[in-house]
Amino acid sequence: MHDIFGTPHTEALHVVERYRPIDNGKQLEVVFTIEAPQAFTTPWSARMVYDRSNMRALTEEVCAENNFDVMTKQPCPIPVETNPAI
């Protein structure tokens, strides 16, 4: 198997993502580690830093169009809240 970028992996793929604000909240740091023993000889990590945007606040949006798993290209069910907060 491989992802949309052609990176190989197996069912044993394990991904750990860590998110934290840095620079007094002006940036978001994302560090991820990939482990896929049958695809890679050693785990590997990468770090991304995103600047805060002042364009507008993010709002939650629900979109049922093109709702598919990017790895398998199979349709995903639309999530439904089964225990709404009161």
N, C-alpha and C. Protein backbone atom coordinates (compact mmCIF):
# COMPACT_ATOMS: atom_id res chain seq x y z
N MET A 1 0.84 -1.19 0.00
CA MET A 1 0.00 0.00 0.00
C MET A 1 0.88 1.24 0.00
N HIS A 2 0.27 2.35 -0.39
CA HIS A 2 0.95 3.63 -0.31
C HIS A 2 -0.11 4.73 -0.16
N ASP A 3 0.35 5.88 0.34
CA ASP A 3 -0.60 6.97 0.53
C ASP A 3 -0.72 7.80 -0.75
N ILE A 4 -1.40 8.93 -0.67
CA ILE A 4 -1.63 9.74 -1.87
C ILE A 4 -0.35 10.35 -2.42
N PHE A 5 0.73 10.35 -1.63
CA PHE A 5 2.02 10.87 -2.08
C PHE A 5 2.95 9.76 -2.56
N GLY A 6 2.48 8.52 -2.51
CA GLY A 6 3.30 7.40 -2.94
C GLY A 6 4.19 6.83 -1.85
N THR A 7 4.02 7.28 -0.60
CA THR A 7 4.83 6.79 0.51
C THR A 7 4.34 5.39 0.89
N PRO A 8 5.24 4.41 0.93
CA PRO A 8 4.81 3.05 1.25
C PRO A 8 4.46 2.89 2.73
N HIS A 9 3.54 1.98 3.01
CA HIS A 9 3.22 1.60 4.39
C HIS A 9 2.45 0.29 4.37
N THR A 10 2.28 -0.27 5.55
CA THR A 10 1.51 -1.51 5.71
C THR A 10 0.44 -1.30 6.76
N GLU A 11 -0.28 -2.35 7.07
CA GLU A 11 -1.30 -2.26 8.12
C GLU A 11 -0.68 -1.98 9.49
N ALA A 12 0.63 -2.19 9.63
CA ALA A 12 1.33 -1.95 10.90
C ALA A 12 1.73 -0.48 11.07
N LEU A 13 1.30 0.39 10.17
CA LEU A 13 1.64 1.81 10.25
C LEU A 13 1.19 2.39 11.59
N HIS A 14 2.08 3.16 12.23
CA HIS A 14 1.76 3.82 13.49
C HIS A 14 2.24 5.26 13.38
N VAL A 15 1.33 6.20 13.57
CA VAL A 15 1.64 7.63 13.46
C VAL A 15 1.32 8.30 14.78
N VAL A 16 2.27 9.10 15.28
CA VAL A 16 2.05 9.90 16.49
C VAL A 16 2.21 11.35 16.10
N GLU A 17 1.20 12.17 16.41
CA GLU A 17 1.24 13.60 16.12
C GLU A 17 1.18 14.37 17.43
N ARG A 18 1.99 15.40 17.55
CA ARG A 18 1.99 16.26 18.73
C ARG A 18 1.84 17.70 18.26
N TYR A 19 0.85 18.39 18.82
CA TYR A 19 0.55 19.78 18.47
C TYR A 19 0.80 20.64 19.70
N ARG A 20 1.45 21.80 19.51
CA ARG A 20 1.61 22.72 20.63
C ARG A 20 1.81 24.14 20.12
N PRO A 21 1.23 25.10 20.84
CA PRO A 21 1.46 26.49 20.46
C PRO A 21 2.88 26.89 20.88
N ILE A 22 3.54 27.69 20.05
CA ILE A 22 4.88 28.19 20.38
C ILE A 22 4.92 29.69 20.12
N ASP A 23 5.99 30.33 20.54
CA ASP A 23 6.19 31.77 20.33
C ASP A 23 4.99 32.55 20.87
N ASN A 24 4.65 32.28 22.12
CA ASN A 24 3.52 32.95 22.78
C ASN A 24 2.21 32.84 22.00
N GLY A 25 2.00 31.68 21.39
CA GLY A 25 0.75 31.43 20.67
C GLY A 25 0.71 32.00 19.26
N LYS A 26 1.82 32.57 18.79
CA LYS A 26 1.84 33.12 17.44
C LYS A 26 2.03 32.04 16.37
N GLN A 27 2.48 30.87 16.80
CA GLN A 27 2.70 29.78 15.86
C GLN A 27 2.21 28.47 16.45
N LEU A 28 1.95 27.50 15.58
CA LEU A 28 1.57 26.16 15.99
C LEU A 28 2.64 25.20 15.47
N GLU A 29 3.22 24.42 16.37
CA GLU A 29 4.22 23.44 15.99
C GLU A 29 3.57 22.06 15.93
N VAL A 30 3.82 21.34 14.85
CA VAL A 30 3.32 19.98 14.69
C VAL A 30 4.53 19.09 14.47
N VAL A 31 4.71 18.11 15.36
CA VAL A 31 5.79 17.13 15.22
C VAL A 31 5.12 15.77 15.08
N PHE A 32 5.50 15.04 14.04
CA PHE A 32 4.93 13.71 13.87
C PHE A 32 6.02 12.68 13.67
N THR A 33 5.73 11.48 14.15
CA THR A 33 6.66 10.35 14.02
C THR A 33 5.92 9.22 13.31
N ILE A 34 6.58 8.64 12.33
CA ILE A 34 6.02 7.56 11.53
C ILE A 34 6.79 6.28 11.82
N GLU A 35 6.06 5.23 12.13
CA GLU A 35 6.65 3.90 12.28
C GLU A 35 5.89 2.94 11.37
N ALA A 36 6.61 2.28 10.50
CA ALA A 36 6.04 1.26 9.61
C ALA A 36 7.14 0.22 9.41
N PRO A 37 7.26 -0.72 10.35
CA PRO A 37 8.39 -1.65 10.35
C PRO A 37 8.60 -2.42 9.05
N GLN A 38 7.52 -2.77 8.35
CA GLN A 38 7.70 -3.51 7.10
C GLN A 38 8.02 -2.60 5.92
N ALA A 39 7.85 -1.29 6.08
CA ALA A 39 8.07 -0.36 4.98
C ALA A 39 9.35 0.48 5.16
N PHE A 40 9.72 0.78 6.42
CA PHE A 40 10.89 1.60 6.69
C PHE A 40 11.82 0.87 7.65
N THR A 41 13.12 1.13 7.53
CA THR A 41 14.10 0.46 8.40
C THR A 41 14.17 1.09 9.78
N THR A 42 13.68 2.32 9.92
CA THR A 42 13.71 3.01 11.21
C THR A 42 12.55 4.01 11.26
N PRO A 43 12.05 4.34 12.44
CA PRO A 43 11.03 5.39 12.54
C PRO A 43 11.61 6.72 12.06
N TRP A 44 10.75 7.59 11.56
CA TRP A 44 11.22 8.91 11.16
C TRP A 44 10.24 9.97 11.62
N SER A 45 10.77 11.17 11.83
CA SER A 45 9.97 12.28 12.33
C SER A 45 10.14 13.50 11.45
N ALA A 46 9.17 14.39 11.53
CA ALA A 46 9.25 15.67 10.83
C ALA A 46 8.58 16.72 11.70
N ARG A 47 8.91 17.96 11.46
CA ARG A 47 8.37 19.08 12.22
C ARG A 47 7.87 20.13 11.24
N MET A 48 6.67 20.63 11.50
CA MET A 48 6.08 21.70 10.70
C MET A 48 5.71 22.84 11.66
N VAL A 49 5.89 24.07 11.23
CA VAL A 49 5.50 25.23 12.02
C VAL A 49 4.57 26.08 11.17
N TYR A 50 3.40 26.39 11.73
CA TYR A 50 2.40 27.19 11.04
C TYR A 50 2.25 28.52 11.76
N ASP A 51 2.21 29.61 10.98
CA ASP A 51 1.97 30.92 11.56
C ASP A 51 0.49 31.12 11.78
N ARG A 52 0.15 31.85 12.82
CA ARG A 52 -1.25 32.17 13.09
C ARG A 52 -1.75 33.15 12.04
N SER A 53 -2.95 32.92 11.58
CA SER A 53 -3.57 33.80 10.60
C SER A 53 -4.63 34.64 11.31
N ASN A 54 -4.67 35.90 10.97
CA ASN A 54 -5.68 36.80 11.55
C ASN A 54 -6.82 37.07 10.57
N MET A 55 -6.91 36.23 9.53
CA MET A 55 -7.92 36.46 8.51
C MET A 55 -9.34 36.37 9.08
N ARG A 56 -9.65 35.26 9.73
CA ARG A 56 -10.97 35.10 10.35
C ARG A 56 -10.90 33.91 11.28
N ALA A 57 -11.83 33.85 12.18
CA ALA A 57 -11.90 32.72 13.10
C ALA A 57 -12.33 31.47 12.35
N LEU A 58 -11.80 30.34 12.74
CA LEU A 58 -12.21 29.08 12.12
C LEU A 58 -13.56 28.66 12.68
N THR A 59 -14.41 28.21 11.81
CA THR A 59 -15.71 27.71 12.24
C THR A 59 -15.86 26.28 11.75
N GLU A 60 -16.65 25.52 12.46
CA GLU A 60 -16.89 24.15 12.07
C GLU A 60 -17.84 24.12 10.89
N GLU A 61 -17.49 23.34 9.89
CA GLU A 61 -18.34 23.20 8.72
C GLU A 61 -18.56 21.72 8.44
N VAL A 62 -19.76 21.38 8.07
CA VAL A 62 -20.08 20.01 7.73
C VAL A 62 -20.24 19.95 6.22
N CYS A 63 -19.53 19.02 5.60
CA CYS A 63 -19.60 18.89 4.16
C CYS A 63 -19.75 17.42 3.81
N ALA A 64 -20.83 17.06 3.18
CA ALA A 64 -21.06 15.66 2.80
C ALA A 64 -20.54 15.36 1.40
N GLU A 65 -20.13 16.39 0.68
CA GLU A 65 -19.61 16.18 -0.67
C GLU A 65 -18.17 15.70 -0.61
N ASN A 66 -17.82 14.77 -1.46
CA ASN A 66 -16.46 14.26 -1.56
C ASN A 66 -15.94 13.73 -0.22
N ASN A 67 -16.82 13.13 0.56
CA ASN A 67 -16.44 12.59 1.86
C ASN A 67 -15.90 11.18 1.67
N PHE A 68 -14.55 11.07 1.49
CA PHE A 68 -13.95 9.77 1.24
C PHE A 68 -12.61 9.66 1.95
N ASP A 69 -12.20 8.45 2.19
CA ASP A 69 -10.91 8.16 2.82
C ASP A 69 -9.82 8.40 1.78
N VAL A 70 -8.87 9.30 2.07
CA VAL A 70 -7.84 9.63 1.09
C VAL A 70 -6.90 8.47 0.82
N MET A 71 -6.81 7.51 1.74
CA MET A 71 -5.92 6.38 1.53
C MET A 71 -6.56 5.31 0.64
N THR A 72 -7.81 4.98 0.93
CA THR A 72 -8.47 3.88 0.21
C THR A 72 -9.39 4.36 -0.91
N LYS A 73 -9.69 5.66 -0.92
CA LYS A 73 -10.62 6.24 -1.90
C LYS A 73 -12.04 5.72 -1.72
N GLN A 74 -12.33 5.12 -0.57
CA GLN A 74 -13.67 4.60 -0.29
C GLN A 74 -14.51 5.66 0.42
N PRO A 75 -15.81 5.69 0.18
CA PRO A 75 -16.67 6.65 0.87
C PRO A 75 -16.65 6.43 2.38
N CYS A 76 -16.70 7.52 3.11
CA CYS A 76 -16.77 7.46 4.57
C CYS A 76 -18.18 7.83 5.02
N PRO A 77 -18.67 7.19 6.07
CA PRO A 77 -19.97 7.59 6.57
C PRO A 77 -19.89 8.99 7.19
N ILE A 78 -20.96 9.73 7.09
CA ILE A 78 -21.00 11.06 7.70
C ILE A 78 -21.18 10.87 9.19
N PRO A 79 -20.27 11.44 10.03
CA PRO A 79 -20.39 11.27 11.48
C PRO A 79 -21.68 11.89 12.00
N VAL A 80 -22.27 11.23 12.97
CA VAL A 80 -23.49 11.72 13.60
C VAL A 80 -23.27 11.70 15.10
N GLU A 81 -23.59 12.81 15.78
CA GLU A 81 -23.45 12.89 17.23
C GLU A 81 -24.49 12.00 17.88
N THR A 82 -24.06 11.06 18.70
CA THR A 82 -24.99 10.14 19.35
C THR A 82 -25.21 10.50 20.82
N ASN A 83 -24.38 11.41 21.35
CA ASN A 83 -24.50 11.78 22.74
C ASN A 83 -24.31 13.29 22.84
N PRO A 84 -25.29 14.07 22.40
CA PRO A 84 -25.12 15.52 22.39
C PRO A 84 -24.98 16.09 23.81
N ALA A 85 -24.11 17.06 23.93
CA ALA A 85 -23.93 17.75 25.23
C ALA A 85 -25.16 18.61 25.50
N ILE A 86 -25.55 18.62 26.73
CA ILE A 86 -26.74 19.40 27.11
C ILE A 86 -26.33 20.55 27.96
